[in-house]
Amino acid sequence: MERGKLSILRETSAGTAYKLQAWENGKNLSRYVPPEQAPAVREALAGYQLFESLTGAYAQLKIQETRDALAAGSKKKSRPRR
């Protein structure tokens, strides 16, 4: 799993060189990625996107569950008439 964006750094006769950019600790960090590692980095980036998607969906389910529980517990109770 990897976070960031993979961009083309330069095209050479040996292949395409890439850079991976990501925000870490408030800074934009760049890392060189050799051409032979690019497919693995792409797969790692896709893994992080899937992770983000799944955790977002889970969070939304838990938020709705909490709202439903609060709504069920906050309904006004009727008072007995005298």
N, C-alpha and C. Protein backbone atom coordinates (compact mmCIF):
# COMPACT_ATOMS: atom_id res chain seq x y z
N MET A 1 0.86 -1.16 0.00
CA MET A 1 0.00 0.00 0.00
C MET A 1 0.91 1.23 0.00
N GLU A 2 0.57 2.18 -0.83
CA GLU A 2 1.37 3.40 -0.95
C GLU A 2 0.43 4.56 -1.22
N ARG A 3 0.80 5.72 -0.70
CA ARG A 3 0.01 6.93 -0.86
C ARG A 3 0.76 7.86 -1.79
N GLY A 4 0.05 8.59 -2.63
CA GLY A 4 0.69 9.59 -3.47
C GLY A 4 0.25 9.52 -4.91
N LYS A 5 1.08 10.13 -5.77
CA LYS A 5 0.81 10.19 -7.20
C LYS A 5 2.07 9.83 -7.95
N LEU A 6 1.93 8.96 -8.93
CA LEU A 6 3.06 8.54 -9.76
C LEU A 6 3.02 9.34 -11.04
N SER A 7 4.11 10.03 -11.34
CA SER A 7 4.21 10.87 -12.53
C SER A 7 5.44 10.50 -13.33
N ILE A 8 5.38 10.79 -14.62
CA ILE A 8 6.54 10.56 -15.49
C ILE A 8 7.57 11.66 -15.21
N LEU A 9 8.78 11.23 -14.93
CA LEU A 9 9.88 12.16 -14.68
C LEU A 9 10.58 12.49 -15.99
N ARG A 10 10.95 11.43 -16.74
CA ARG A 10 11.57 11.63 -18.05
C ARG A 10 11.53 10.33 -18.84
N GLU A 11 11.60 10.49 -20.15
CA GLU A 11 11.64 9.35 -21.06
C GLU A 11 13.09 9.19 -21.52
N THR A 12 13.62 7.98 -21.41
CA THR A 12 14.98 7.71 -21.85
C THR A 12 14.97 6.49 -22.77
N SER A 13 16.11 6.22 -23.36
CA SER A 13 16.21 5.03 -24.21
C SER A 13 16.08 3.75 -23.39
N ALA A 14 16.41 3.83 -22.11
CA ALA A 14 16.33 2.67 -21.21
C ALA A 14 14.91 2.45 -20.70
N GLY A 15 14.05 3.44 -20.88
CA GLY A 15 12.67 3.33 -20.40
C GLY A 15 12.20 4.63 -19.79
N THR A 16 11.06 4.59 -19.18
CA THR A 16 10.47 5.77 -18.56
C THR A 16 10.82 5.81 -17.09
N ALA A 17 11.32 6.95 -16.64
CA ALA A 17 11.61 7.14 -15.22
C ALA A 17 10.43 7.85 -14.58
N TYR A 18 10.11 7.48 -13.36
CA TYR A 18 8.95 8.02 -12.67
C TYR A 18 9.35 8.67 -11.36
N LYS A 19 8.45 9.51 -10.86
CA LYS A 19 8.60 10.03 -9.50
C LYS A 19 7.29 9.82 -8.77
N LEU A 20 7.40 9.53 -7.50
CA LEU A 20 6.25 9.34 -6.64
C LEU A 20 6.21 10.52 -5.68
N GLN A 21 5.12 11.26 -5.69
CA GLN A 21 4.97 12.41 -4.80
C GLN A 21 3.86 12.13 -3.80
N ALA A 22 4.13 12.49 -2.55
CA ALA A 22 3.13 12.30 -1.50
C ALA A 22 3.37 13.31 -0.38
N TRP A 23 2.28 13.69 0.29
CA TRP A 23 2.38 14.56 1.45
C TRP A 23 2.65 13.70 2.68
N GLU A 24 3.72 14.02 3.38
CA GLU A 24 4.05 13.34 4.64
C GLU A 24 4.55 14.37 5.63
N ASN A 25 3.95 14.37 6.80
CA ASN A 25 4.34 15.29 7.87
C ASN A 25 4.31 16.74 7.41
N GLY A 26 3.29 17.09 6.62
CA GLY A 26 3.13 18.47 6.17
C GLY A 26 4.05 18.88 5.05
N LYS A 27 4.77 17.96 4.46
CA LYS A 27 5.70 18.28 3.37
C LYS A 27 5.41 17.40 2.17
N ASN A 28 5.64 17.96 0.98
CA ASN A 28 5.50 17.20 -0.25
C ASN A 28 6.83 16.52 -0.53
N LEU A 29 6.86 15.21 -0.42
CA LEU A 29 8.08 14.45 -0.65
C LEU A 29 8.03 13.78 -2.00
N SER A 30 9.15 13.80 -2.72
CA SER A 30 9.26 13.13 -4.01
C SER A 30 10.28 12.03 -3.91
N ARG A 31 9.99 10.94 -4.59
CA ARG A 31 10.88 9.79 -4.60
C ARG A 31 11.03 9.29 -6.03
N TYR A 32 12.25 8.96 -6.42
CA TYR A 32 12.51 8.41 -7.74
C TYR A 32 12.04 6.96 -7.77
N VAL A 33 11.38 6.57 -8.86
CA VAL A 33 10.92 5.20 -9.03
C VAL A 33 11.50 4.67 -10.34
N PRO A 34 12.35 3.66 -10.27
CA PRO A 34 12.90 3.08 -11.50
C PRO A 34 11.80 2.46 -12.36
N PRO A 35 12.02 2.38 -13.67
CA PRO A 35 10.99 1.83 -14.56
C PRO A 35 10.51 0.44 -14.18
N GLU A 36 11.39 -0.42 -13.71
CA GLU A 36 10.99 -1.79 -13.37
C GLU A 36 10.12 -1.86 -12.12
N GLN A 37 10.14 -0.81 -11.29
CA GLN A 37 9.32 -0.80 -10.07
C GLN A 37 7.97 -0.12 -10.27
N ALA A 38 7.78 0.55 -11.39
CA ALA A 38 6.55 1.31 -11.63
C ALA A 38 5.29 0.46 -11.53
N PRO A 39 5.23 -0.74 -12.12
CA PRO A 39 4.01 -1.55 -11.98
C PRO A 39 3.67 -1.89 -10.52
N ALA A 40 4.67 -2.20 -9.73
CA ALA A 40 4.43 -2.52 -8.32
C ALA A 40 3.94 -1.29 -7.56
N VAL A 41 4.48 -0.13 -7.88
CA VAL A 41 4.06 1.11 -7.22
C VAL A 41 2.62 1.43 -7.61
N ARG A 42 2.28 1.23 -8.88
CA ARG A 42 0.89 1.46 -9.32
C ARG A 42 -0.07 0.55 -8.55
N GLU A 43 0.31 -0.69 -8.38
CA GLU A 43 -0.52 -1.64 -7.63
C GLU A 43 -0.65 -1.20 -6.17
N ALA A 44 0.43 -0.73 -5.58
CA ALA A 44 0.40 -0.25 -4.20
C ALA A 44 -0.50 0.99 -4.07
N LEU A 45 -0.46 1.88 -5.06
CA LEU A 45 -1.32 3.07 -5.05
C LEU A 45 -2.78 2.66 -5.16
N ALA A 46 -3.07 1.68 -6.00
CA ALA A 46 -4.45 1.19 -6.13
C ALA A 46 -4.92 0.56 -4.82
N GLY A 47 -4.02 -0.12 -4.12
CA GLY A 47 -4.35 -0.70 -2.83
C GLY A 47 -4.73 0.36 -1.81
N TYR A 48 -4.02 1.48 -1.83
CA TYR A 48 -4.34 2.57 -0.90
C TYR A 48 -5.69 3.19 -1.26
N GLN A 49 -5.97 3.34 -2.56
CA GLN A 49 -7.26 3.90 -2.96
C GLN A 49 -8.41 2.99 -2.53
N LEU A 50 -8.21 1.69 -2.64
CA LEU A 50 -9.22 0.74 -2.19
C LEU A 50 -9.41 0.86 -0.68
N PHE A 51 -8.31 0.96 0.05
CA PHE A 51 -8.36 1.12 1.51
C PHE A 51 -9.16 2.36 1.88
N GLU A 52 -8.88 3.48 1.22
CA GLU A 52 -9.59 4.73 1.49
C GLU A 52 -11.09 4.58 1.21
N SER A 53 -11.41 3.92 0.11
CA SER A 53 -12.80 3.72 -0.26
C SER A 53 -13.53 2.87 0.78
N LEU A 54 -12.91 1.78 1.19
CA LEU A 54 -13.53 0.88 2.16
C LEU A 54 -13.68 1.53 3.53
N THR A 55 -12.65 2.26 3.98
CA THR A 55 -12.76 2.90 5.30
C THR A 55 -13.79 4.03 5.26
N GLY A 56 -13.91 4.72 4.14
CA GLY A 56 -14.93 5.75 4.00
C GLY A 56 -16.33 5.16 4.07
N ALA A 57 -16.52 4.04 3.39
CA ALA A 57 -17.83 3.38 3.41
C ALA A 57 -18.15 2.87 4.81
N TYR A 58 -17.16 2.30 5.49
CA TYR A 58 -17.37 1.81 6.86
C TYR A 58 -17.71 2.97 7.80
N ALA A 59 -16.99 4.07 7.66
CA ALA A 59 -17.26 5.23 8.52
C ALA A 59 -18.69 5.73 8.30
N GLN A 60 -19.13 5.77 7.04
CA GLN A 60 -20.48 6.24 6.75
C GLN A 60 -21.52 5.31 7.38
N LEU A 61 -21.29 4.01 7.34
CA LEU A 61 -22.21 3.06 7.98
C LEU A 61 -22.28 3.28 9.48
N LYS A 62 -21.13 3.48 10.12
CA LYS A 62 -21.09 3.69 11.57
C LYS A 62 -21.75 5.02 11.94
N ILE A 63 -21.56 6.04 11.11
CA ILE A 63 -22.20 7.34 11.36
C ILE A 63 -23.71 7.18 11.32
N GLN A 64 -24.21 6.49 10.29
CA GLN A 64 -25.66 6.29 10.17
C GLN A 64 -26.19 5.45 11.33
N GLU A 65 -25.44 4.43 11.73
CA GLU A 65 -25.84 3.61 12.87
C GLU A 65 -25.94 4.44 14.14
N THR A 66 -24.97 5.32 14.35
CA THR A 66 -24.98 6.20 15.52
C THR A 66 -26.16 7.16 15.49
N ARG A 67 -26.42 7.74 14.31
CA ARG A 67 -27.55 8.68 14.18
C ARG A 67 -28.87 7.97 14.43
N ASP A 68 -29.01 6.75 13.90
CA ASP A 68 -30.23 5.98 14.13
C ASP A 68 -30.42 5.67 15.61
N ALA A 69 -29.34 5.30 16.29
CA ALA A 69 -29.42 4.99 17.72
C ALA A 69 -29.78 6.23 18.52
N LEU A 70 -29.21 7.36 18.16
CA LEU A 70 -29.53 8.60 18.88
C LEU A 70 -30.98 9.01 18.64
N ALA A 71 -31.45 8.85 17.41
CA ALA A 71 -32.83 9.21 17.09
C ALA A 71 -33.81 8.31 17.83
N ALA A 72 -33.50 7.04 17.94
CA ALA A 72 -34.39 6.11 18.64
C ALA A 72 -34.43 6.41 20.13
N GLY A 73 -33.33 6.85 20.70
CA GLY A 73 -33.27 7.13 22.13
C GLY A 73 -33.78 8.50 22.50
N SER A 74 -33.95 9.38 21.54
CA SER A 74 -34.34 10.75 21.87
C SER A 74 -35.81 11.05 21.59
N LYS A 75 -36.57 10.04 21.23
CA LYS A 75 -38.00 10.27 20.99
C LYS A 75 -38.66 10.66 22.31
N LYS A 76 -39.58 11.61 22.20
CA LYS A 76 -40.24 12.11 23.40
C LYS A 76 -41.09 11.00 24.04
N LYS A 77 -40.97 10.91 25.32
CA LYS A 77 -41.76 9.93 26.04
C LYS A 77 -43.08 10.60 26.43
N SER A 78 -44.15 9.87 26.27
CA SER A 78 -45.45 10.45 26.62
C SER A 78 -45.64 10.38 28.14
N ARG A 79 -46.25 11.41 28.66
CA ARG A 79 -46.55 11.45 30.10
C ARG A 79 -47.95 10.89 30.34
N PRO A 80 -48.11 10.17 31.41
CA PRO A 80 -49.46 9.69 31.71
C PRO A 80 -50.37 10.88 32.05
N ARG A 81 -51.61 10.83 31.57
CA ARG A 81 -52.56 11.91 31.84
C ARG A 81 -53.15 11.74 33.23
N ARG A 82 -53.44 12.85 33.84
CA ARG A 82 -54.01 12.85 35.20
C ARG A 82 -55.50 12.92 35.18
